Amino acid sequence: MDFGIGFWELCLTALVALIVLGPEKLPHAARMVGLWLGKGRRMMAAVRAEVDRELRIDELKQNIMKHNPAEALNELARDTREEVRAAQSAAEAEATPKPADAPASGNDKP
């Protein structure tokens, strides 16, 4: 997505933001804008992936109507297994605790 914003427009926007927010609040505001943009991009990627998945399902349905139903069902089963494996690996990646989230050991007592 291109909004046609150039270097000088960004400089002018940064200068206005600096004047309006001040040097104390500007880093926090910039961080929040970055977080919201990241969330928006992730949401768009998820929607795009869902649309692609739906298109693949429609193609598989058309193949079932055209070709041998047993062959199309085998292809559908294979694709479903791949999707389940991908979902399981994504769920396992989300479920694994990060080092910062790991519980503290009992040896840290003063």
N, C-alpha and C. Protein backbone atom coordinates (compact mmCIF):
# COMPACT_ATOMS: atom_id res chain seq x y z
N MET A 1 0.85 -1.16 0.00
CA MET A 1 0.00 0.00 0.00
C MET A 1 0.90 1.23 0.00
N ASP A 2 0.73 2.08 -0.97
CA ASP A 2 1.57 3.26 -1.09
C ASP A 2 0.70 4.50 -0.94
N PHE A 3 1.01 5.30 0.06
CA PHE A 3 0.25 6.52 0.30
C PHE A 3 0.87 7.73 -0.39
N GLY A 4 2.02 7.55 -1.03
CA GLY A 4 2.67 8.65 -1.71
C GLY A 4 3.32 9.64 -0.75
N ILE A 5 3.78 9.14 0.39
CA ILE A 5 4.42 10.00 1.38
C ILE A 5 5.92 9.94 1.14
N GLY A 6 6.52 11.09 0.91
CA GLY A 6 7.94 11.17 0.65
C GLY A 6 8.73 11.55 1.89
N PHE A 7 10.02 11.72 1.67
CA PHE A 7 10.93 12.03 2.77
C PHE A 7 10.58 13.35 3.44
N TRP A 8 10.30 14.38 2.65
CA TRP A 8 10.05 15.71 3.23
C TRP A 8 8.72 15.74 3.98
N GLU A 9 7.74 14.98 3.52
CA GLU A 9 6.48 14.91 4.25
C GLU A 9 6.68 14.23 5.61
N LEU A 10 7.52 13.18 5.63
CA LEU A 10 7.83 12.53 6.90
C LEU A 10 8.58 13.46 7.85
N CYS A 11 9.50 14.22 7.30
CA CYS A 11 10.24 15.19 8.13
C CYS A 11 9.30 16.23 8.72
N LEU A 12 8.39 16.74 7.90
CA LEU A 12 7.43 17.74 8.38
C LEU A 12 6.52 17.14 9.44
N THR A 13 6.07 15.92 9.25
CA THR A 13 5.22 15.25 10.23
C THR A 13 5.97 15.04 11.54
N ALA A 14 7.23 14.63 11.46
CA ALA A 14 8.04 14.43 12.67
C ALA A 14 8.25 15.75 13.40
N LEU A 15 8.47 16.82 12.67
CA LEU A 15 8.67 18.14 13.30
C LEU A 15 7.39 18.60 13.99
N VAL A 16 6.25 18.45 13.35
CA VAL A 16 4.98 18.83 13.96
C VAL A 16 4.72 17.98 15.20
N ALA A 17 4.98 16.66 15.11
CA ALA A 17 4.80 15.78 16.26
C ALA A 17 5.72 16.18 17.41
N LEU A 18 6.94 16.57 17.12
CA LEU A 18 7.87 17.00 18.15
C LEU A 18 7.38 18.26 18.83
N ILE A 19 6.84 19.19 18.05
CA ILE A 19 6.33 20.44 18.61
C ILE A 19 5.08 20.18 19.44
N VAL A 20 4.17 19.36 18.93
CA VAL A 20 2.90 19.12 19.62
C VAL A 20 3.10 18.25 20.86
N LEU A 21 3.82 17.15 20.75
CA LEU A 21 3.95 16.22 21.85
C LEU A 21 5.10 16.55 22.80
N GLY A 22 6.11 17.14 22.27
CA GLY A 22 7.27 17.43 23.10
C GLY A 22 8.24 16.26 23.09
N PRO A 23 9.48 16.52 23.47
CA PRO A 23 10.51 15.48 23.40
C PRO A 23 10.29 14.34 24.41
N GLU A 24 9.53 14.57 25.48
CA GLU A 24 9.32 13.52 26.47
C GLU A 24 8.31 12.48 25.98
N LYS A 25 7.25 12.91 25.32
CA LYS A 25 6.18 12.00 24.92
C LYS A 25 6.36 11.44 23.51
N LEU A 26 7.22 12.03 22.70
CA LEU A 26 7.37 11.61 21.32
C LEU A 26 7.86 10.16 21.18
N PRO A 27 8.86 9.70 21.93
CA PRO A 27 9.29 8.30 21.77
C PRO A 27 8.17 7.30 22.10
N HIS A 28 7.42 7.59 23.15
CA HIS A 28 6.31 6.70 23.52
C HIS A 28 5.25 6.70 22.42
N ALA A 29 4.92 7.84 21.88
CA ALA A 29 3.92 7.93 20.82
C ALA A 29 4.40 7.19 19.56
N ALA A 30 5.67 7.34 19.22
CA ALA A 30 6.21 6.65 18.05
C ALA A 30 6.18 5.14 18.25
N ARG A 31 6.49 4.68 19.46
CA ARG A 31 6.45 3.25 19.76
C ARG A 31 5.02 2.72 19.63
N MET A 32 4.04 3.46 20.14
CA MET A 32 2.65 3.02 20.05
C MET A 32 2.17 2.98 18.60
N VAL A 33 2.57 3.96 17.80
CA VAL A 33 2.20 3.95 16.38
C VAL A 33 2.80 2.72 15.71
N GLY A 34 4.03 2.41 16.03
CA GLY A 34 4.68 1.23 15.47
C GLY A 34 3.98 -0.06 15.87
N LEU A 35 3.55 -0.15 17.13
CA LEU A 35 2.83 -1.33 17.59
C LEU A 35 1.50 -1.49 16.86
N TRP A 36 0.77 -0.40 16.70
CA TRP A 36 -0.52 -0.46 16.01
C TRP A 36 -0.34 -0.81 14.54
N LEU A 37 0.69 -0.28 13.91
CA LEU A 37 0.94 -0.64 12.52
C LEU A 37 1.28 -2.12 12.39
N GLY A 38 2.07 -2.63 13.32
CA GLY A 38 2.40 -4.05 13.31
C GLY A 38 1.17 -4.92 13.49
N LYS A 39 0.29 -4.53 14.40
CA LYS A 39 -0.95 -5.30 14.61
C LYS A 39 -1.81 -5.27 13.35
N GLY A 40 -1.87 -4.12 12.71
CA GLY A 40 -2.65 -4.01 11.48
C GLY A 40 -2.09 -4.88 10.37
N ARG A 41 -0.78 -4.89 10.24
CA ARG A 41 -0.16 -5.74 9.21
C ARG A 41 -0.39 -7.22 9.48
N ARG A 42 -0.27 -7.62 10.75
CA ARG A 42 -0.51 -9.02 11.10
C ARG A 42 -1.96 -9.41 10.83
N MET A 43 -2.88 -8.49 11.13
CA MET A 43 -4.28 -8.77 10.87
C MET A 43 -4.55 -8.92 9.37
N MET A 44 -3.96 -8.05 8.57
CA MET A 44 -4.13 -8.14 7.12
C MET A 44 -3.52 -9.44 6.58
N ALA A 45 -2.39 -9.85 7.13
CA ALA A 45 -1.77 -11.11 6.69
C ALA A 45 -2.66 -12.29 7.05
N ALA A 46 -3.29 -12.25 8.22
CA ALA A 46 -4.19 -13.33 8.62
C ALA A 46 -5.41 -13.39 7.71
N VAL A 47 -5.96 -12.24 7.37
CA VAL A 47 -7.12 -12.19 6.48
C VAL A 47 -6.73 -12.71 5.10
N ARG A 48 -5.57 -12.29 4.61
CA ARG A 48 -5.10 -12.75 3.30
C ARG A 48 -4.90 -14.27 3.30
N ALA A 49 -4.34 -14.81 4.37
CA ALA A 49 -4.13 -16.26 4.46
C ALA A 49 -5.47 -16.99 4.48
N GLU A 50 -6.44 -16.44 5.19
CA GLU A 50 -7.76 -17.06 5.24
C GLU A 50 -8.44 -17.06 3.87
N VAL A 51 -8.31 -15.96 3.14
CA VAL A 51 -8.88 -15.88 1.79
C VAL A 51 -8.20 -16.89 0.88
N ASP A 52 -6.87 -17.00 0.97
CA ASP A 52 -6.14 -17.99 0.17
C ASP A 52 -6.59 -19.41 0.50
N ARG A 53 -6.80 -19.68 1.77
CA ARG A 53 -7.25 -21.01 2.20
C ARG A 53 -8.64 -21.31 1.63
N GLU A 54 -9.52 -20.32 1.66
CA GLU A 54 -10.86 -20.51 1.11
C GLU A 54 -10.81 -20.74 -0.40
N LEU A 55 -9.92 -20.04 -1.08
CA LEU A 55 -9.78 -20.24 -2.52
C LEU A 55 -9.29 -21.65 -2.84
N ARG A 56 -8.35 -22.15 -2.03
CA ARG A 56 -7.87 -23.52 -2.23
C ARG A 56 -8.98 -24.53 -2.01
N ILE A 57 -9.82 -24.29 -1.02
CA ILE A 57 -10.94 -25.18 -0.76
C ILE A 57 -11.90 -25.20 -1.95
N ASP A 58 -12.17 -24.02 -2.51
CA ASP A 58 -13.04 -23.94 -3.68
C ASP A 58 -12.44 -24.70 -4.87
N GLU A 59 -11.13 -24.57 -5.07
CA GLU A 59 -10.47 -25.29 -6.15
C GLU A 59 -10.58 -26.80 -5.94
N LEU A 60 -10.43 -27.23 -4.70
CA LEU A 60 -10.55 -28.66 -4.41
C LEU A 60 -11.96 -29.16 -4.68
N LYS A 61 -12.95 -28.36 -4.33
CA LYS A 61 -14.33 -28.75 -4.61
C LYS A 61 -14.57 -28.88 -6.12
N GLN A 62 -14.00 -27.95 -6.88
CA GLN A 62 -14.14 -28.03 -8.33
C GLN A 62 -13.45 -29.27 -8.88
N ASN A 63 -12.30 -29.61 -8.32
CA ASN A 63 -11.60 -30.83 -8.74
C ASN A 63 -12.42 -32.07 -8.44
N ILE A 64 -13.11 -32.07 -7.32
CA ILE A 64 -13.96 -33.21 -6.98
C ILE A 64 -15.06 -33.37 -8.02
N MET A 65 -15.64 -32.27 -8.45
CA MET A 65 -16.72 -32.34 -9.43
C MET A 65 -16.20 -32.80 -10.80
N LYS A 66 -14.99 -32.37 -11.16
CA LYS A 66 -14.44 -32.67 -12.49
C LYS A 66 -13.84 -34.07 -12.57
N HIS A 67 -13.01 -34.40 -11.63
CA HIS A 67 -12.19 -35.60 -11.72
C HIS A 67 -12.78 -36.74 -10.91
N ASN A 68 -11.96 -37.71 -10.79
CA ASN A 68 -12.31 -38.88 -10.00
C ASN A 68 -12.48 -38.47 -8.54
N PRO A 69 -13.62 -38.74 -7.95
CA PRO A 69 -13.85 -38.33 -6.56
C PRO A 69 -12.84 -38.95 -5.58
N ALA A 70 -12.42 -40.18 -5.81
CA ALA A 70 -11.47 -40.81 -4.89
C ALA A 70 -10.13 -40.10 -4.93
N GLU A 71 -9.67 -39.72 -6.11
CA GLU A 71 -8.40 -38.99 -6.23
C GLU A 71 -8.49 -37.62 -5.57
N ALA A 72 -9.60 -36.94 -5.78
CA ALA A 72 -9.77 -35.62 -5.18
C ALA A 72 -9.86 -35.72 -3.67
N LEU A 73 -10.51 -36.77 -3.15
CA LEU A 73 -10.59 -36.94 -1.71
C LEU A 73 -9.22 -37.23 -1.11
N ASN A 74 -8.40 -37.99 -1.82
CA ASN A 74 -7.04 -38.24 -1.34
C ASN A 74 -6.25 -36.94 -1.28
N GLU A 75 -6.40 -36.10 -2.29
CA GLU A 75 -5.71 -34.81 -2.30
C GLU A 75 -6.22 -33.93 -1.16
N LEU A 76 -7.53 -33.94 -0.94
CA LEU A 76 -8.11 -33.16 0.15
C LEU A 76 -7.59 -33.65 1.49
N ALA A 77 -7.51 -34.97 1.67
CA ALA A 77 -7.00 -35.54 2.93
C ALA A 77 -5.55 -35.14 3.14
N ARG A 78 -4.73 -35.19 2.09
CA ARG A 78 -3.33 -34.81 2.21
C ARG A 78 -3.19 -33.34 2.59
N ASP A 79 -3.97 -32.47 1.93
CA ASP A 79 -3.91 -31.05 2.26
C ASP A 79 -4.39 -30.78 3.68
N THR A 80 -5.41 -31.51 4.10
CA THR A 80 -5.92 -31.35 5.46
C THR A 80 -4.87 -31.76 6.49
N ARG A 81 -4.19 -32.88 6.23
CA ARG A 81 -3.13 -33.30 7.15
C ARG A 81 -2.02 -32.25 7.24
N GLU A 82 -1.66 -31.65 6.10
CA GLU A 82 -0.63 -30.61 6.11
C GLU A 82 -1.08 -29.40 6.91
N GLU A 83 -2.35 -29.01 6.76
CA GLU A 83 -2.88 -27.87 7.50
C GLU A 83 -2.90 -28.17 9.00
N VAL A 84 -3.27 -29.40 9.38
CA VAL A 84 -3.32 -29.77 10.79
C VAL A 84 -1.91 -29.76 11.38
N ARG A 85 -0.94 -30.28 10.64
CA ARG A 85 0.45 -30.25 11.12
C ARG A 85 0.94 -28.83 11.30
N ALA A 86 0.62 -27.96 10.35
CA ALA A 86 1.03 -26.56 10.45
C ALA A 86 0.38 -25.89 11.65
N ALA A 87 -0.90 -26.17 11.87
CA ALA A 87 -1.60 -25.58 13.02
C ALA A 87 -1.04 -26.11 14.33
N GLN A 88 -0.71 -27.41 14.38
CA GLN A 88 -0.14 -27.98 15.60
C GLN A 88 1.22 -27.38 15.90
N SER A 89 2.05 -27.22 14.88
CA SER A 89 3.38 -26.64 15.13
C SER A 89 3.26 -25.18 15.54
N ALA A 90 2.30 -24.45 14.98
CA ALA A 90 2.10 -23.07 15.40
C ALA A 90 1.61 -23.00 16.84
N ALA A 91 0.71 -23.91 17.21
CA ALA A 91 0.20 -23.94 18.58
C ALA A 91 1.31 -24.31 19.56
N GLU A 92 2.16 -25.25 19.19
CA GLU A 92 3.27 -25.64 20.06
C GLU A 92 4.26 -24.50 20.21
N ALA A 93 4.49 -23.75 19.13
CA ALA A 93 5.41 -22.61 19.21
C ALA A 93 4.85 -21.53 20.13
N GLU A 94 3.54 -21.32 20.10
CA GLU A 94 2.91 -20.34 20.97
C GLU A 94 2.90 -20.81 22.42
N ALA A 95 2.80 -22.13 22.64
CA ALA A 95 2.67 -22.68 23.98
C ALA A 95 4.01 -22.76 24.71
N THR A 96 5.12 -22.80 23.98
CA THR A 96 6.42 -22.91 24.65
C THR A 96 6.73 -21.61 25.38
N PRO A 97 7.10 -21.71 26.66
CA PRO A 97 7.39 -20.49 27.41
C PRO A 97 8.68 -19.84 26.92
N LYS A 98 8.67 -18.56 26.90
CA LYS A 98 9.85 -17.80 26.52
C LYS A 98 10.77 -17.71 27.73
N PRO A 99 12.08 -17.50 27.52
CA PRO A 99 13.02 -17.46 28.65
C PRO A 99 12.63 -16.43 29.71
N ALA A 100 12.07 -15.30 29.33
CA ALA A 100 11.69 -14.28 30.29
C ALA A 100 10.47 -14.72 31.07
N ASP A 101 9.64 -15.62 30.52
CA ASP A 101 8.43 -16.07 31.17
C ASP A 101 8.67 -17.28 32.08
N ALA A 102 9.88 -17.87 32.02
CA ALA A 102 10.16 -19.07 32.79
C ALA A 102 10.12 -18.74 34.29
N PRO A 103 9.60 -19.65 35.09
CA PRO A 103 9.54 -19.40 36.54
C PRO A 103 10.93 -19.33 37.13
N ALA A 104 11.07 -18.50 38.13
CA ALA A 104 12.37 -18.32 38.78
C ALA A 104 12.67 -19.53 39.63
N SER A 105 13.94 -19.90 39.70
CA SER A 105 14.33 -21.05 40.51
C SER A 105 14.40 -20.65 41.98
N GLY A 106 14.42 -21.62 42.84
CA GLY A 106 14.47 -21.36 44.29
C GLY A 106 15.83 -20.89 44.75
N ASN A 107 16.83 -20.86 43.88
CA ASN A 107 18.19 -20.48 44.27
C ASN A 107 18.38 -18.98 44.29
N ASP A 108 17.38 -18.21 43.97
CA ASP A 108 17.53 -16.75 43.87
C ASP A 108 17.23 -16.06 45.18
N LYS A 109 17.11 -16.80 46.28
CA LYS A 109 16.78 -16.18 47.57
C LYS A 109 17.99 -15.40 48.10
N PRO A 110 17.72 -14.25 48.74
CA PRO A 110 18.85 -13.45 49.28
C PRO A 110 19.45 -14.05 50.51
